[in-house]
C-alpha atoms as a PDB file:
ATOM      1  CA  UNK A   1      15.511  -7.358  -1.917  1.00  0.00           C
ATOM      2  CA  UNK A   2      15.184  -8.167  -5.600  1.00  0.00           C
ATOM      3  CA  UNK A   3      18.147  -7.664  -7.889  1.00  0.00           C
ATOM      4  CA  UNK A   4      18.169  -4.734 -10.304  1.00  0.00           C
ATOM      5  CA  UNK A   5      15.807  -4.638 -13.229  1.00  0.00           C
ATOM      6  CA  UNK A   6      17.693  -5.446 -16.403  1.00  0.00           C
ATOM      7  CA  UNK A   7      16.909  -7.309 -19.593  1.00  0.00           C
ATOM      8  CA  UNK A   8      13.759  -9.392 -19.454  1.00  0.00           C
ATOM      9  CA  UNK A   9      12.877  -8.208 -15.941  1.00  0.00           C
ATOM     10  CA  UNK A  10      13.074  -4.593 -17.120  1.00  0.00           C
ATOM     11  CA  UNK A  11      10.678  -5.377 -19.968  1.00  0.00           C
ATOM     12  CA  UNK A  12       8.331  -7.141 -17.566  1.00  0.00           C
ATOM     13  CA  UNK A  13       8.494  -4.122 -15.246  1.00  0.00           C
ATOM     14  CA  UNK A  14       7.570  -1.758 -18.079  1.00  0.00           C
ATOM     15  CA  UNK A  15       4.693  -4.081 -19.020  1.00  0.00           C
ATOM     16  CA  UNK A  16       3.420  -4.111 -15.446  1.00  0.00           C
ATOM     17  CA  UNK A  17       3.635  -0.311 -15.414  1.00  0.00           C
ATOM     18  CA  UNK A  18       1.686  -0.088 -18.674  1.00  0.00           C
ATOM     19  CA  UNK A  19      -0.992  -2.399 -17.279  1.00  0.00           C
ATOM     20  CA  UNK A  20      -1.204  -0.366 -14.074  1.00  0.00           C
ATOM     21  CA  UNK A  21      -1.471   2.920 -15.956  1.00  0.00           C
ATOM     22  CA  UNK A  22      -4.041   1.530 -18.378  1.00  0.00           C
ATOM     23  CA  UNK A  23      -6.285   0.069 -15.683  1.00  0.00           C
ATOM     24  CA  UNK A  24      -5.889   3.199 -13.587  1.00  0.00           C
ATOM     25  CA  UNK A  25      -7.007   5.470 -16.409  1.00  0.00           C
ATOM     26  CA  UNK A  26      -9.776   3.119 -17.518  1.00  0.00           C
ATOM     27  CA  UNK A  27     -11.168   1.875 -14.190  1.00  0.00           C
ATOM     28  CA  UNK A  28      -9.617   4.065 -11.502  1.00  0.00           C
ATOM     29  CA  UNK A  29      -7.534   1.203 -10.090  1.00  0.00           C
ATOM     30  CA  UNK A  30      -4.048   0.049 -10.882  1.00  0.00           C
ATOM     31  CA  UNK A  31      -1.843   0.983  -7.968  1.00  0.00           C
ATOM     32  CA  UNK A  32      -2.427  -1.771  -5.495  1.00  0.00           C
ATOM     33  CA  UNK A  33      -4.385  -4.084  -7.755  1.00  0.00           C
ATOM     34  CA  UNK A  34      -1.751  -4.364 -10.482  1.00  0.00           C
ATOM     35  CA  UNK A  35       1.467  -2.958  -9.039  1.00  0.00           C
ATOM     36  CA  UNK A  36       1.678  -4.870  -5.758  1.00  0.00           C
ATOM     37  CA  UNK A  37       1.305  -8.289  -7.447  1.00  0.00           C
ATOM     38  CA  UNK A  38       3.606  -7.033 -10.221  1.00  0.00           C
ATOM     39  CA  UNK A  39       6.347  -6.135  -7.764  1.00  0.00           C
ATOM     40  CA  UNK A  40       5.948  -9.556  -6.137  1.00  0.00           C
ATOM     41  CA  UNK A  41       6.227 -11.220  -9.547  1.00  0.00           C
ATOM     42  CA  UNK A  42       9.493  -9.344 -10.051  1.00  0.00           C
ATOM     43  CA  UNK A  43      10.829 -10.821  -6.806  1.00  0.00           C
ATOM     44  CA  UNK A  44      10.372  -7.894  -4.444  1.00  0.00           C
ATOM     45  CA  UNK A  45       9.369  -8.390  -0.813  1.00  0.00           C
ATOM     46  CA  UNK A  46       5.839  -7.457   0.253  1.00  0.00           C
ATOM     47  CA  UNK A  47       6.892  -4.205   1.956  1.00  0.00           C
ATOM     48  CA  UNK A  48       8.952  -3.196  -1.100  1.00  0.00           C
ATOM     49  CA  UNK A  49       5.921  -3.933  -3.280  1.00  0.00           C
ATOM     50  CA  UNK A  50       3.700  -1.765  -1.102  1.00  0.00           C
ATOM     51  CA  UNK A  51       6.204   1.103  -0.982  1.00  0.00           C
ATOM     52  CA  UNK A  52       6.908   0.920  -4.720  1.00  0.00           C
ATOM     53  CA  UNK A  53       3.204   0.906  -5.506  1.00  0.00           C
ATOM     54  CA  UNK A  54       2.646   3.977  -3.335  1.00  0.00           C
ATOM     55  CA  UNK A  55       5.482   5.817  -5.088  1.00  0.00           C
ATOM     56  CA  UNK A  56       4.214   4.873  -8.547  1.00  0.00           C
ATOM     57  CA  UNK A  57       0.584   5.882  -8.000  1.00  0.00           C
ATOM     58  CA  UNK A  58       1.465   9.563  -7.575  1.00  0.00           C
ATOM     59  CA  UNK A  59       2.454  10.195 -11.226  1.00  0.00           C
ATOM     60  CA  UNK A  60      -0.144   7.707 -12.487  1.00  0.00           C
ATOM     61  CA  UNK A  61      -2.845   9.597 -10.599  1.00  0.00           C
ATOM     62  CA  UNK A  62      -1.649  13.002 -11.766  1.00  0.00           C
ATOM     63  CA  UNK A  63      -1.815  11.967 -15.418  1.00  0.00           C
ATOM     64  CA  UNK A  64      -5.262  10.414 -15.001  1.00  0.00           C
ATOM     65  CA  UNK A  65      -6.669  13.358 -13.042  1.00  0.00           C
ATOM     66  CA  UNK A  66      -5.186  15.785 -15.561  1.00  0.00           C
ATOM     67  CA  UNK A  67      -6.955  14.058 -18.414  1.00  0.00           C
ATOM     68  CA  UNK A  68     -10.278  13.715 -16.601  1.00  0.00           C
ATOM     69  CA  UNK A  69     -10.176  17.385 -15.599  1.00  0.00           C
ATOM     70  CA  UNK A  70      -8.540  19.100 -18.578  1.00  0.00           C
ATOM     71  CA  UNK A  71      -8.852  16.524 -21.367  1.00  0.00           C
ATOM     72  CA  UNK A  72     -12.600  16.741 -21.727  1.00  0.00           C
ATOM     73  CA  UNK A  73     -15.195  19.469 -21.533  1.00  0.00           C
ATOM     74  CA  UNK A  74     -17.017  17.529 -18.839  1.00  0.00           C
ATOM     75  CA  UNK A  75     -14.525  18.065 -15.980  1.00  0.00           C
ATOM     76  CA  UNK A  76     -15.337  14.784 -14.218  1.00  0.00           C
ATOM     77  CA  UNK A  77     -13.110  15.494 -11.222  1.00  0.00           C
ATOM     78  CA  UNK A  78     -15.056  16.326  -8.049  1.00  0.00           C
ATOM     79  CA  UNK A  79     -12.497  18.445  -6.208  1.00  0.00           C
ATOM     80  CA  UNK A  80     -14.776  18.841  -3.166  1.00  0.00           C
ATOM     81  CA  UNK A  81     -15.006  15.075  -2.727  1.00  0.00           C
ATOM     82  CA  UNK A  82     -11.300  14.620  -3.502  1.00  0.00           C
ATOM     83  CA  UNK A  83     -10.314  17.049  -0.744  1.00  0.00           C
ATOM     84  CA  UNK A  84     -12.460  15.232   1.825  1.00  0.00           C
ATOM     85  CA  UNK A  85     -10.985  11.875   0.791  1.00  0.00           C
ATOM     86  CA  UNK A  86      -7.447  13.271   0.879  1.00  0.00           C
ATOM     87  CA  UNK A  87      -7.976  14.516   4.429  1.00  0.00           C
ATOM     88  CA  UNK A  88      -8.842  11.011   5.623  1.00  0.00           C
ATOM     89  CA  UNK A  89      -6.422   9.181   3.349  1.00  0.00           C
ATOM     90  CA  UNK A  90      -3.309  10.989   4.532  1.00  0.00           C
ATOM     91  CA  UNK A  91      -3.889   9.932   8.131  1.00  0.00           C
ATOM     92  CA  UNK A  92      -4.936   6.453   7.092  1.00  0.00           C
ATOM     93  CA  UNK A  93      -1.811   5.989   4.966  1.00  0.00           C
ATOM     94  CA  UNK A  94       0.394   7.052   7.873  1.00  0.00           C
ATOM     95  CA  UNK A  95      -1.251   4.586  10.270  1.00  0.00           C
ATOM     96  CA  UNK A  96      -1.270   1.802   7.660  1.00  0.00           C
ATOM     97  CA  UNK A  97       2.394   2.269   6.746  1.00  0.00           C
ATOM     98  CA  UNK A  98       3.418   2.207  10.406  1.00  0.00           C
ATOM     99  CA  UNK A  99       1.382  -0.943  11.007  1.00  0.00           C
ATOM    100  CA  UNK A 100       2.827  -2.615   7.892  1.00  0.00           C
ATOM    101  CA  UNK A 101       6.316  -2.194   9.338  1.00  0.00           C
ATOM    102  CA  UNK A 102       5.297  -4.269  12.364  1.00  0.00           C
ATOM    103  CA  UNK A 103       3.329  -7.056  10.698  1.00  0.00           C
ATOM    104  CA  UNK A 104       4.950 -10.201   9.308  1.00  0.00           C
ATOM    105  CA  UNK A 105       5.318 -10.398   5.506  1.00  0.00           C
ATOM    106  CA  UNK A 106       2.942 -13.369   5.398  1.00  0.00           C
ATOM    107  CA  UNK A 107       0.230 -11.422   7.225  1.00  0.00           C
ATOM    108  CA  UNK A 108       0.559  -8.577   4.729  1.00  0.00           C
ATOM    109  CA  UNK A 109       0.284 -10.985   1.785  1.00  0.00           C
ATOM    110  CA  UNK A 110      -2.754 -12.734   3.226  1.00  0.00           C
ATOM    111  CA  UNK A 111      -4.362  -9.395   4.073  1.00  0.00           C
ATOM    112  CA  UNK A 112      -3.866  -8.162   0.521  1.00  0.00           C
ATOM    113  CA  UNK A 113      -5.326 -11.397  -0.873  1.00  0.00           C
ATOM    114  CA  UNK A 114      -8.375 -11.290   1.394  1.00  0.00           C
ATOM    115  CA  UNK A 115      -9.015  -7.650   0.499  1.00  0.00           C
ATOM    116  CA  UNK A 116      -8.742  -8.439  -3.226  1.00  0.00           C
ATOM    117  CA  UNK A 117     -11.238 -11.308  -2.878  1.00  0.00           C
ATOM    118  CA  UNK A 118     -13.706  -9.188  -0.878  1.00  0.00           C
ATOM    119  CA  UNK A 119     -13.532  -6.361  -3.403  1.00  0.00           C
ATOM    120  CA  UNK A 120     -14.032  -8.822  -6.281  1.00  0.00           C
ATOM    121  CA  UNK A 121     -17.075 -10.350  -4.595  1.00  0.00           C
ATOM    122  CA  UNK A 122     -18.550  -6.906  -3.917  1.00  0.00           C
ATOM    123  CA  UNK A 123     -18.077  -5.873  -7.543  1.00  0.00           C
ATOM    124  CA  UNK A 124     -19.538  -9.102  -8.945  1.00  0.00           C
ATOM    125  CA  UNK A 125     -22.517  -9.485  -6.626  1.00  0.00           C
ATOM    126  CA  UNK A 126     -25.231  -6.900  -7.247  1.00  0.00           C
ATOM    127  CA  UNK A 127     -26.811  -5.110  -4.346  1.00  0.00           C
END
């Protein structure tokens, strides 16, 4: 477990949070993409990084959704699609969290890295 966040580490933590919130509002990502590596940079273990990221995305998401729904006249939030995704995501998160408790830290790190690379390739390669 990483020591408490004070001084420079506290400032770095706030910066990581700002980056996660900014990229979440701008691109719809920020939780896992920014926060998990940020927690690792701060010295947290992989499971702590995952758990912290999950806790932080709730308020980040609420602020972003609030703006996209109430902050414009366009109401970009598709509540029908969101409800369908929530139904699957809740079960998936439960299974994933249980599995993460059984996998070695190294496996979790490698899995996160592979997923990040695959997503990057998919976003960069048209088709």
